[in-house]
């Protein structure tokens, strides 16, 4: 593959990358990644960034009574009007 063709393929792959990542499929088997070290390295970097972000901002599950508190606050606010 010529350098220009590879750059075009990389741009096309990278444009699809958000959708591919969002699909949850295993990208390691994607044909472009089979022959493109640059895009493989990009994917490794993106995975590292995502994992670091998950560690910095862990998902915290709300308490079981959260909706009751919200409903109560709304009800109380409506009574004050």
Protein backbone atom coordinates (compact mmCIF):
# COMPACT_ATOMS: atom_id res chain seq x y z
CA UNK A 1 0.00 0.00 0.00
CA UNK A 2 1.40 3.41 -0.88
CA UNK A 3 1.88 6.02 1.82
CA UNK A 4 -0.94 8.21 0.43
CA UNK A 5 -3.32 5.25 0.28
CA UNK A 6 -2.37 4.26 3.81
CA UNK A 7 -2.95 7.83 5.05
CA UNK A 8 -6.38 7.81 3.42
CA UNK A 9 -7.17 4.44 4.98
CA UNK A 10 -6.01 5.76 8.36
CA UNK A 11 -8.20 8.86 8.07
CA UNK A 12 -11.20 6.73 7.11
CA UNK A 13 -10.57 4.29 9.96
CA UNK A 14 -10.04 7.09 12.48
CA UNK A 15 -13.23 8.82 11.33
CA UNK A 16 -15.12 5.58 12.07
CA UNK A 17 -13.30 4.97 15.34
CA UNK A 18 -15.82 6.60 17.72
CA UNK A 19 -18.63 4.50 16.25
CA UNK A 20 -16.49 1.36 16.29
CA UNK A 21 -15.51 1.91 19.93
CA UNK A 22 -19.12 2.65 20.84
CA UNK A 23 -20.27 -0.58 19.26
CA UNK A 24 -18.35 -2.56 21.85
CA UNK A 25 -16.96 -4.96 19.26
CA UNK A 26 -13.41 -6.25 19.54
CA UNK A 27 -11.41 -3.91 17.34
CA UNK A 28 -8.30 -6.09 17.37
CA UNK A 29 -9.78 -8.07 14.48
CA UNK A 30 -10.53 -5.00 12.36
CA UNK A 31 -8.80 -5.41 8.96
CA UNK A 32 -7.15 -1.98 9.08
CA UNK A 33 -5.54 -2.70 12.42
CA UNK A 34 -4.07 -5.91 11.05
CA UNK A 35 -1.59 -3.95 8.94
CA UNK A 36 -1.43 -0.44 10.48
CA UNK A 37 0.90 -0.01 13.43
CA UNK A 38 0.05 3.69 13.67
CA UNK A 39 -3.66 3.09 14.22
CA UNK A 40 -2.94 0.16 16.58
CA UNK A 41 -0.80 2.54 18.67
CA UNK A 42 -3.57 5.15 18.54
CA UNK A 43 -6.09 2.61 19.82
CA UNK A 44 -3.74 1.58 22.65
CA UNK A 45 -3.36 5.25 23.61
CA UNK A 46 -7.13 5.82 23.53
CA UNK A 47 -7.72 2.75 25.69
CA UNK A 48 -5.11 3.96 28.18
CA UNK A 49 -6.75 7.39 28.34
CA UNK A 50 -10.19 5.85 28.81
CA UNK A 51 -8.99 3.54 31.57
CA UNK A 52 -7.24 6.41 33.36
CA UNK A 53 -10.41 8.51 33.14
CA UNK A 54 -12.46 5.63 34.60
CA UNK A 55 -10.05 5.42 37.52
CA UNK A 56 -10.09 9.18 38.08
CA UNK A 57 -13.87 9.45 37.86
CA UNK A 58 -15.35 6.15 38.98
CA UNK A 59 -19.02 5.53 38.40
CA UNK A 60 -20.85 6.01 41.67
CA UNK A 61 -24.22 4.39 41.97
CA UNK A 62 -26.85 6.62 43.58
CA UNK A 63 -28.44 5.56 46.82
CA UNK A 64 -31.60 3.46 46.62
CA UNK A 65 -33.73 6.28 48.00
CA UNK A 66 -32.49 8.99 45.63
CA UNK A 67 -35.69 9.10 43.57
CA UNK A 68 -37.77 9.32 46.75
CA UNK A 69 -35.72 12.35 47.83
CA UNK A 70 -36.13 13.97 44.41
CA UNK A 71 -39.86 13.31 44.37
CA UNK A 72 -40.21 14.66 47.91
CA UNK A 73 -38.27 17.81 47.03
CA UNK A 74 -40.43 18.41 43.95
CA UNK A 75 -43.61 17.81 45.92
CA UNK A 76 -42.41 20.16 48.69
CA UNK A 77 -41.46 22.83 46.13
CA UNK A 78 -44.86 22.60 44.44
CA UNK A 79 -46.65 22.98 47.78
CA UNK A 80 -44.73 26.20 48.46
CA UNK A 81 -45.93 27.79 45.21
